[in-house]
Amino acid sequence: MAKHCHLYFKIEDKIRRHLQCCFTLYQVPKEKQDAVIDAVLEVDLQSIAQKLIEDTIVQAHRGFEAVMTTKEGKKA
């Protein structure tokens, strides 16, 4: 996982390589590895990542607003 993603080494390739290494360590048969990896890569990772980032930003704003509201209430 130390190698960064780029034009020729996309996140899907990185996930595939990581899962292959993990499955090989646990001696999972190649056929099962391929089936599971293909199923994982069929998931729409881009939309999941985008929603996660959007939700995190919303939560951060809420937390910041709560802190600011609390600080303003203490000043009075």
N, C-alpha and C. Protein backbone atom coordinates (compact mmCIF):
# COMPACT_ATOMS: atom_id res chain seq x y z
N MET A 1 0.82 -1.19 0.00
CA MET A 1 0.00 0.00 0.00
C MET A 1 0.87 1.26 0.00
N ALA A 2 2.15 1.10 -0.01
CA ALA A 2 3.05 2.25 0.01
C ALA A 2 3.10 2.96 -1.34
N LYS A 3 2.77 2.27 -2.40
CA LYS A 3 2.82 2.87 -3.73
C LYS A 3 1.55 3.68 -3.98
N HIS A 4 1.72 4.93 -4.37
CA HIS A 4 0.58 5.81 -4.61
C HIS A 4 -0.13 5.45 -5.91
N CYS A 5 -1.41 5.77 -5.97
CA CYS A 5 -2.17 5.58 -7.20
C CYS A 5 -1.78 6.68 -8.19
N HIS A 6 -1.84 6.34 -9.47
CA HIS A 6 -1.57 7.32 -10.51
C HIS A 6 -2.24 6.84 -11.79
N LEU A 7 -1.96 7.50 -12.89
CA LEU A 7 -2.61 7.20 -14.16
C LEU A 7 -2.52 5.73 -14.56
N TYR A 8 -1.38 5.10 -14.29
CA TYR A 8 -1.18 3.72 -14.71
C TYR A 8 -1.34 2.71 -13.57
N PHE A 9 -1.53 3.19 -12.36
CA PHE A 9 -1.76 2.30 -11.22
C PHE A 9 -2.96 2.84 -10.45
N LYS A 10 -4.13 2.50 -10.95
CA LYS A 10 -5.38 3.03 -10.41
C LYS A 10 -5.76 2.33 -9.12
N ILE A 11 -6.73 2.90 -8.42
CA ILE A 11 -7.15 2.36 -7.13
C ILE A 11 -7.65 0.92 -7.28
N GLU A 12 -8.29 0.61 -8.39
CA GLU A 12 -8.77 -0.75 -8.60
C GLU A 12 -7.60 -1.74 -8.67
N ASP A 13 -6.52 -1.33 -9.32
CA ASP A 13 -5.33 -2.19 -9.38
C ASP A 13 -4.70 -2.36 -8.00
N LYS A 14 -4.72 -1.28 -7.24
CA LYS A 14 -4.15 -1.32 -5.88
C LYS A 14 -4.98 -2.25 -4.99
N ILE A 15 -6.29 -2.15 -5.08
CA ILE A 15 -7.17 -3.02 -4.29
C ILE A 15 -6.97 -4.47 -4.70
N ARG A 16 -6.92 -4.71 -6.01
CA ARG A 16 -6.72 -6.08 -6.51
C ARG A 16 -5.41 -6.66 -5.96
N ARG A 17 -4.34 -5.90 -6.05
CA ARG A 17 -3.03 -6.38 -5.58
C ARG A 17 -3.04 -6.64 -4.07
N HIS A 18 -3.65 -5.73 -3.33
CA HIS A 18 -3.70 -5.89 -1.87
C HIS A 18 -4.48 -7.15 -1.49
N LEU A 19 -5.65 -7.34 -2.11
CA LEU A 19 -6.45 -8.52 -1.79
C LEU A 19 -5.76 -9.81 -2.22
N GLN A 20 -5.10 -9.79 -3.37
CA GLN A 20 -4.37 -10.98 -3.81
C GLN A 20 -3.28 -11.34 -2.79
N CYS A 21 -2.57 -10.35 -2.30
CA CYS A 21 -1.53 -10.62 -1.30
C CYS A 21 -2.13 -11.21 -0.03
N CYS A 22 -3.21 -10.61 0.44
CA CYS A 22 -3.85 -11.09 1.67
C CYS A 22 -4.36 -12.53 1.50
N PHE A 23 -5.06 -12.78 0.40
CA PHE A 23 -5.60 -14.12 0.17
C PHE A 23 -4.49 -15.14 0.00
N THR A 24 -3.42 -14.76 -0.65
CA THR A 24 -2.30 -15.68 -0.85
C THR A 24 -1.66 -16.03 0.49
N LEU A 25 -1.53 -15.05 1.37
CA LEU A 25 -0.97 -15.32 2.70
C LEU A 25 -1.78 -16.36 3.46
N TYR A 26 -3.10 -16.31 3.27
CA TYR A 26 -3.98 -17.26 3.96
C TYR A 26 -4.30 -18.48 3.09
N GLN A 27 -3.58 -18.63 2.01
CA GLN A 27 -3.67 -19.79 1.12
C GLN A 27 -5.09 -20.03 0.59
N VAL A 28 -5.76 -18.95 0.23
CA VAL A 28 -7.08 -19.06 -0.40
C VAL A 28 -6.85 -19.48 -1.85
N PRO A 29 -7.59 -20.47 -2.33
CA PRO A 29 -7.41 -20.92 -3.71
C PRO A 29 -7.62 -19.78 -4.72
N LYS A 30 -6.85 -19.81 -5.81
CA LYS A 30 -6.86 -18.75 -6.82
C LYS A 30 -8.27 -18.50 -7.37
N GLU A 31 -9.05 -19.55 -7.59
CA GLU A 31 -10.40 -19.39 -8.13
C GLU A 31 -11.28 -18.57 -7.20
N LYS A 32 -11.19 -18.87 -5.90
CA LYS A 32 -11.97 -18.11 -4.91
C LYS A 32 -11.47 -16.68 -4.81
N GLN A 33 -10.16 -16.51 -4.87
CA GLN A 33 -9.59 -15.16 -4.85
C GLN A 33 -10.19 -14.33 -5.98
N ASP A 34 -10.15 -14.86 -7.18
CA ASP A 34 -10.63 -14.13 -8.34
C ASP A 34 -12.11 -13.77 -8.21
N ALA A 35 -12.90 -14.72 -7.72
CA ALA A 35 -14.34 -14.48 -7.58
C ALA A 35 -14.61 -13.35 -6.59
N VAL A 36 -13.93 -13.38 -5.46
CA VAL A 36 -14.15 -12.36 -4.43
C VAL A 36 -13.62 -11.00 -4.89
N ILE A 37 -12.46 -10.99 -5.46
CA ILE A 37 -11.87 -9.73 -5.93
C ILE A 37 -12.75 -9.10 -7.01
N ASP A 38 -13.25 -9.90 -7.94
CA ASP A 38 -14.14 -9.37 -8.97
C ASP A 38 -15.40 -8.79 -8.36
N ALA A 39 -15.97 -9.46 -7.35
CA ALA A 39 -17.17 -8.95 -6.69
C ALA A 39 -16.89 -7.63 -5.97
N VAL A 40 -15.74 -7.54 -5.31
CA VAL A 40 -15.38 -6.30 -4.61
C VAL A 40 -15.22 -5.16 -5.61
N LEU A 41 -14.57 -5.43 -6.73
CA LEU A 41 -14.32 -4.38 -7.70
C LEU A 41 -15.56 -3.97 -8.49
N GLU A 42 -16.62 -4.77 -8.43
CA GLU A 42 -17.88 -4.39 -9.07
C GLU A 42 -18.62 -3.31 -8.29
N VAL A 43 -18.29 -3.16 -7.03
CA VAL A 43 -18.92 -2.14 -6.19
C VAL A 43 -18.50 -0.76 -6.71
N ASP A 44 -19.43 0.18 -6.71
CA ASP A 44 -19.14 1.54 -7.19
C ASP A 44 -18.38 2.30 -6.11
N LEU A 45 -17.06 2.12 -6.12
CA LEU A 45 -16.21 2.71 -5.09
C LEU A 45 -16.18 4.23 -5.17
N GLN A 46 -16.28 4.77 -6.36
CA GLN A 46 -16.22 6.22 -6.55
C GLN A 46 -17.38 6.91 -5.83
N SER A 47 -18.59 6.41 -6.01
CA SER A 47 -19.74 7.06 -5.37
C SER A 47 -19.72 6.87 -3.85
N ILE A 48 -19.24 5.73 -3.39
CA ILE A 48 -19.13 5.50 -1.95
C ILE A 48 -18.12 6.48 -1.34
N ALA A 49 -16.99 6.63 -1.99
CA ALA A 49 -15.97 7.56 -1.50
C ALA A 49 -16.48 8.99 -1.51
N GLN A 50 -17.17 9.39 -2.58
CA GLN A 50 -17.71 10.74 -2.67
C GLN A 50 -18.71 11.01 -1.56
N LYS A 51 -19.60 10.06 -1.30
CA LYS A 51 -20.60 10.25 -0.23
C LYS A 51 -19.91 10.32 1.14
N LEU A 52 -18.91 9.50 1.36
CA LEU A 52 -18.17 9.52 2.61
C LEU A 52 -17.52 10.89 2.85
N ILE A 53 -16.92 11.44 1.82
CA ILE A 53 -16.29 12.75 1.94
C ILE A 53 -17.33 13.83 2.21
N GLU A 54 -18.43 13.79 1.47
CA GLU A 54 -19.49 14.78 1.68
C GLU A 54 -20.05 14.71 3.10
N ASP A 55 -20.30 13.50 3.59
CA ASP A 55 -20.83 13.32 4.95
C ASP A 55 -19.83 13.82 6.00
N THR A 56 -18.56 13.56 5.78
CA THR A 56 -17.52 14.01 6.71
C THR A 56 -17.47 15.52 6.76
N ILE A 57 -17.58 16.17 5.61
CA ILE A 57 -17.56 17.63 5.56
C ILE A 57 -18.76 18.20 6.29
N VAL A 58 -19.93 17.62 6.08
CA VAL A 58 -21.14 18.08 6.78
C VAL A 58 -20.97 17.93 8.29
N GLN A 59 -20.47 16.80 8.74
CA GLN A 59 -20.26 16.59 10.17
C GLN A 59 -19.23 17.55 10.74
N ALA A 60 -18.20 17.84 9.98
CA ALA A 60 -17.18 18.79 10.44
C ALA A 60 -17.79 20.18 10.59
N HIS A 61 -18.60 20.59 9.64
CA HIS A 61 -19.25 21.89 9.73
C HIS A 61 -20.18 21.95 10.94
N ARG A 62 -20.92 20.88 11.17
CA ARG A 62 -21.82 20.85 12.34
C ARG A 62 -21.02 20.95 13.63
N GLY A 63 -19.93 20.22 13.69
CA GLY A 63 -19.09 20.26 14.88
C GLY A 63 -18.49 21.63 15.09
N PHE A 64 -18.03 22.27 14.03
CA PHE A 64 -17.46 23.61 14.12
C PHE A 64 -18.51 24.61 14.58
N GLU A 65 -19.72 24.51 14.02
CA GLU A 65 -20.81 25.41 14.41
C GLU A 65 -21.16 25.21 15.88
N ALA A 66 -21.16 23.96 16.34
CA ALA A 66 -21.47 23.68 17.74
C ALA A 66 -20.42 24.27 18.66
N VAL A 67 -19.16 24.17 18.29
CA VAL A 67 -18.08 24.73 19.09
C VAL A 67 -18.19 26.24 19.14
N MET A 68 -18.46 26.85 18.00
CA MET A 68 -18.58 28.31 17.93
C MET A 68 -19.77 28.79 18.74
N THR A 69 -20.88 28.05 18.68
CA THR A 69 -22.07 28.42 19.45
C THR A 69 -21.78 28.33 20.94
N THR A 70 -21.07 27.30 21.35
CA THR A 70 -20.72 27.12 22.77
C THR A 70 -19.79 28.22 23.22
N LYS A 71 -18.81 28.58 22.43
CA LYS A 71 -17.88 29.65 22.79
C LYS A 71 -18.58 30.99 22.88
N GLU A 72 -19.52 31.25 21.98
CA GLU A 72 -20.25 32.51 21.99
C GLU A 72 -21.14 32.59 23.23
N GLY A 73 -21.71 31.46 23.62
CA GLY A 73 -22.57 31.42 24.81
C GLY A 73 -21.76 31.66 26.08
N LYS A 74 -20.53 31.25 26.14
CA LYS A 74 -19.67 31.43 27.32
C LYS A 74 -19.18 32.86 27.44
N LYS A 75 -19.07 33.58 26.31
CA LYS A 75 -18.60 34.97 26.35
C LYS A 75 -19.62 35.88 27.00
N ALA A 76 -20.90 35.58 26.86
CA ALA A 76 -21.95 36.46 27.36
C ALA A 76 -22.09 36.44 28.85
